[in-house]
Amino acid sequence: RGDIASHFGGFYTSLEFDLTNIFNLYNHRQILELGRSCIHKDYRNGITMKLLWRGIAEYVKLYDIDILLGCASFPGIDVQKFSKELSYLKSNFSLPDEMSVQSLVNNNYPIYNNNNNIKGSDLRIFAKLPPLIKGYLRVGGGISDSFFVDYDFNTIDLCIVVKTENINEKYKKKFLN
């Protein structure tokens, strides 16, 4: 939680993204940062993810959390390799202006150079997204206006923000009731 993180140097996400707009709208106690998780390869499956989400949901209820945030990543640092996916995400899942989050490094999403615009319902592009990003989007999350290339973790990071009040009804019933 934000009130705990402030005692330990703040959120990890703040090392990569400017969270000022989020902090202006929400009290630190209302914010929960979800960090990187390492799961043994033998246990990387839907059951494990369901248990993780169930635990997060219990924490959200216990501490009355309004905002979930954190980094979600594409593997590697070749931004052009993911230009279609990044353009699709920006076109369809950007955070509202009042909650916009910018990378601490100056960058823009690469433009996918194709005469055909990327359709908002292009399931082929959605299917190629990393599972964690898809999961956040399915529950109702939005993404940062820019990305951060994390050379230490060899990833291209996006900041994901989920307003708990806007979580998709299907997931509210499944986890928050």
Protein backbone atom coordinates (compact mmCIF):
# COMPACT_ATOMS: atom_id res chain seq x y z
CA ARG A 1 0.00 0.00 0.00
CA GLY A 2 1.04 3.56 -0.56
CA ASP A 3 1.18 4.42 3.13
CA ILE A 4 3.62 1.54 3.68
CA ALA A 5 5.61 2.20 0.49
CA SER A 6 6.22 5.82 1.56
CA HIS A 7 8.27 4.50 4.50
CA PHE A 8 10.51 2.54 2.13
CA GLY A 9 11.25 5.03 -0.65
CA GLY A 10 7.90 4.93 -2.45
CA PHE A 11 6.48 2.77 -5.18
CA TYR A 12 8.78 0.85 -7.52
CA THR A 13 6.59 2.06 -10.39
CA SER A 14 7.62 5.65 -9.51
CA LEU A 15 11.16 4.79 -10.62
CA GLU A 16 9.87 4.44 -14.18
CA PHE A 17 6.68 6.52 -14.35
CA ASP A 18 5.38 9.88 -13.16
CA LEU A 19 2.41 9.03 -10.95
CA THR A 20 1.58 12.63 -10.03
CA ASN A 21 -1.92 12.53 -11.51
CA ILE A 22 -2.76 9.38 -9.54
CA PHE A 23 -1.37 10.89 -6.32
CA ASN A 24 -3.37 14.08 -6.89
CA LEU A 25 -6.61 12.08 -7.10
CA TYR A 26 -6.07 9.37 -4.47
CA ASN A 27 -4.70 9.16 -0.97
CA HIS A 28 -1.63 6.92 -0.70
CA ARG A 29 -3.57 4.58 1.62
CA GLN A 30 -6.05 3.95 -1.21
CA ILE A 31 -3.36 2.76 -3.65
CA LEU A 32 -1.96 -0.76 -3.86
CA GLU A 33 1.07 -1.45 -6.02
CA LEU A 34 1.24 -4.90 -7.53
CA GLY A 35 4.83 -5.88 -8.20
CA ARG A 36 6.65 -8.53 -10.14
CA SER A 37 5.94 -12.06 -9.02
CA CYS A 38 8.13 -15.05 -9.60
CA ILE A 39 6.32 -18.33 -9.88
CA HIS A 40 8.09 -21.64 -10.39
CA LYS A 41 7.59 -22.79 -13.98
CA ASP A 42 5.73 -25.93 -12.84
CA TYR A 43 3.05 -23.74 -11.25
CA ARG A 44 2.51 -21.09 -13.93
CA ASN A 45 -1.10 -21.83 -14.72
CA GLY A 46 -4.63 -20.55 -14.38
CA ILE A 47 -5.11 -21.98 -10.90
CA THR A 48 -2.11 -20.09 -9.56
CA MET A 49 -3.27 -16.85 -11.20
CA LYS A 50 -6.75 -17.36 -9.75
CA LEU A 51 -5.27 -17.78 -6.26
CA LEU A 52 -3.13 -14.66 -6.69
CA TRP A 53 -6.15 -12.61 -7.80
CA ARG A 54 -8.23 -14.00 -4.93
CA GLY A 55 -5.55 -12.88 -2.45
CA ILE A 56 -5.37 -9.43 -4.04
CA ALA A 57 -9.17 -9.15 -3.88
CA GLU A 58 -9.17 -9.98 -0.16
CA TYR A 59 -6.52 -7.32 0.43
CA VAL A 60 -8.51 -4.78 -1.61
CA LYS A 61 -11.58 -5.40 0.55
CA LEU A 62 -9.66 -5.44 3.83
CA TYR A 63 -7.89 -2.12 3.22
CA ASP A 64 -10.54 -0.40 1.07
CA ILE A 65 -8.19 -0.01 -1.91
CA ASP A 66 -9.36 2.24 -4.76
CA ILE A 67 -6.41 1.95 -7.13
CA LEU A 68 -4.26 -0.99 -8.20
CA LEU A 69 -1.15 -0.08 -10.14
CA GLY A 70 2.12 -1.55 -11.27
CA CYS A 71 4.31 -2.39 -14.22
CA ALA A 72 3.46 -5.02 -16.80
CA SER A 73 5.98 -5.91 -19.47
CA PHE A 74 6.79 -7.08 -22.93
CA PRO A 75 9.88 -9.31 -23.08
CA GLY A 76 13.08 -7.80 -24.45
CA ILE A 77 13.95 -4.22 -25.29
CA ASP A 78 13.23 -4.10 -29.04
CA VAL A 79 10.36 -1.61 -29.07
CA GLN A 80 9.82 -1.90 -32.83
CA LYS A 81 9.15 -5.63 -32.43
CA PHE A 82 6.01 -4.71 -30.46
CA SER A 83 5.00 -1.58 -32.39
CA LYS A 84 1.67 -3.07 -33.50
CA GLU A 85 0.78 -4.17 -29.96
CA LEU A 86 1.89 -0.87 -28.38
CA SER A 87 -0.10 1.14 -30.91
CA TYR A 88 -3.14 -1.06 -30.33
CA LEU A 89 -2.87 -0.60 -26.56
CA LYS A 90 -2.49 3.16 -26.79
CA SER A 91 -5.44 3.42 -29.19
CA ASN A 92 -7.75 1.28 -27.08
CA PHE A 93 -6.67 1.22 -23.44
CA SER A 94 -5.05 4.56 -22.52
CA LEU A 95 -5.91 5.98 -19.13
CA PRO A 96 -8.26 8.98 -19.02
CA ASP A 97 -6.46 12.34 -19.12
CA GLU A 98 -6.97 13.10 -15.43
CA MET A 99 -5.21 9.83 -14.53
CA SER A 100 -2.60 9.82 -17.29
CA VAL A 101 0.80 8.39 -16.45
CA GLN A 102 3.97 9.25 -18.37
CA SER A 103 7.29 7.44 -18.53
CA LEU A 104 10.19 9.21 -16.85
CA VAL A 105 12.10 8.88 -20.12
CA ASN A 106 10.93 10.77 -23.15
CA ASN A 107 9.44 8.31 -25.63
CA ASN A 108 6.37 7.77 -27.71
CA TYR A 109 4.61 4.67 -28.84
CA PRO A 110 5.99 3.59 -32.17
CA ILE A 111 3.58 4.13 -35.01
CA TYR A 112 2.59 0.95 -36.76
CA ASN A 113 3.19 1.80 -40.39
CA ASN A 114 0.45 0.10 -42.29
CA ASN A 115 -2.27 1.54 -44.48
CA ASN A 116 -4.84 -0.36 -42.43
CA ASN A 117 -5.58 1.20 -39.05
CA ILE A 118 -5.48 -1.11 -36.10
CA LYS A 119 -9.07 -1.93 -35.28
CA GLY A 120 -10.20 -1.60 -31.69
CA SER A 121 -11.59 -5.11 -31.81
CA ASP A 122 -8.56 -6.76 -33.41
CA LEU A 123 -8.48 -9.95 -31.36
CA ARG A 124 -5.36 -11.16 -33.16
CA ILE A 125 -3.35 -8.34 -31.66
CA PHE A 126 -4.98 -8.75 -28.24
CA ALA A 127 -4.13 -12.47 -28.31
CA LYS A 128 -0.42 -11.66 -28.79
CA LEU A 129 -0.24 -9.48 -25.67
CA PRO A 130 1.63 -10.82 -22.63
CA PRO A 131 -0.76 -12.68 -20.29
CA LEU A 132 -0.39 -10.21 -17.42
CA ILE A 133 -1.29 -7.25 -19.63
CA LYS A 134 -4.32 -9.13 -20.98
CA GLY A 135 -5.39 -9.96 -17.44
CA TYR A 136 -5.28 -6.34 -16.31
CA LEU A 137 -7.16 -5.19 -19.39
CA ARG A 138 -9.85 -7.84 -18.90
CA VAL A 139 -10.56 -6.65 -15.37
CA GLY A 140 -10.85 -3.04 -16.58
CA GLY A 141 -7.34 -1.61 -16.39
CA GLY A 142 -5.86 1.21 -18.41
CA ILE A 143 -2.28 1.81 -19.52
CA SER A 144 0.27 4.60 -19.42
CA ASP A 145 0.67 7.03 -22.28
CA SER A 146 4.25 5.92 -22.81
CA PHE A 147 6.53 2.99 -22.06
CA PHE A 148 9.77 2.51 -20.17
CA VAL A 149 12.58 0.32 -21.44
CA ASP A 150 13.95 -1.48 -18.39
CA TYR A 151 17.43 -2.62 -19.36
CA ASP A 152 18.00 -4.29 -15.96
CA PHE A 153 15.03 -6.65 -16.42
CA ASN A 154 15.27 -6.74 -20.24
CA THR A 155 11.67 -5.59 -20.62
CA ILE A 156 9.49 -2.88 -22.10
CA ASP A 157 7.29 -1.75 -19.24
CA LEU A 158 3.87 -0.14 -19.22
CA CYS A 159 2.21 1.28 -16.14
CA ILE A 160 -1.14 -0.38 -15.57
CA VAL A 161 -3.80 1.30 -13.42
CA VAL A 162 -7.07 -0.31 -12.31
CA LYS A 163 -9.78 1.62 -10.47
CA THR A 164 -11.34 -1.02 -8.24
CA GLU A 165 -14.80 0.55 -8.64
CA ASN A 166 -14.50 0.00 -12.40
CA ILE A 167 -13.48 -3.64 -12.28
CA ASN A 168 -15.50 -5.64 -14.79
CA GLU A 169 -18.66 -7.07 -13.17
CA LYS A 170 -17.65 -10.62 -14.06
CA TYR A 171 -14.47 -10.27 -12.00
CA LYS A 172 -16.16 -8.37 -9.19
CA LYS A 173 -18.58 -11.25 -8.73
CA LYS A 174 -15.77 -13.78 -8.96
CA PHE A 175 -13.32 -12.13 -6.53
CA LEU A 176 -14.77 -9.13 -4.69
CA ASN A 177 -18.06 -10.51 -3.32
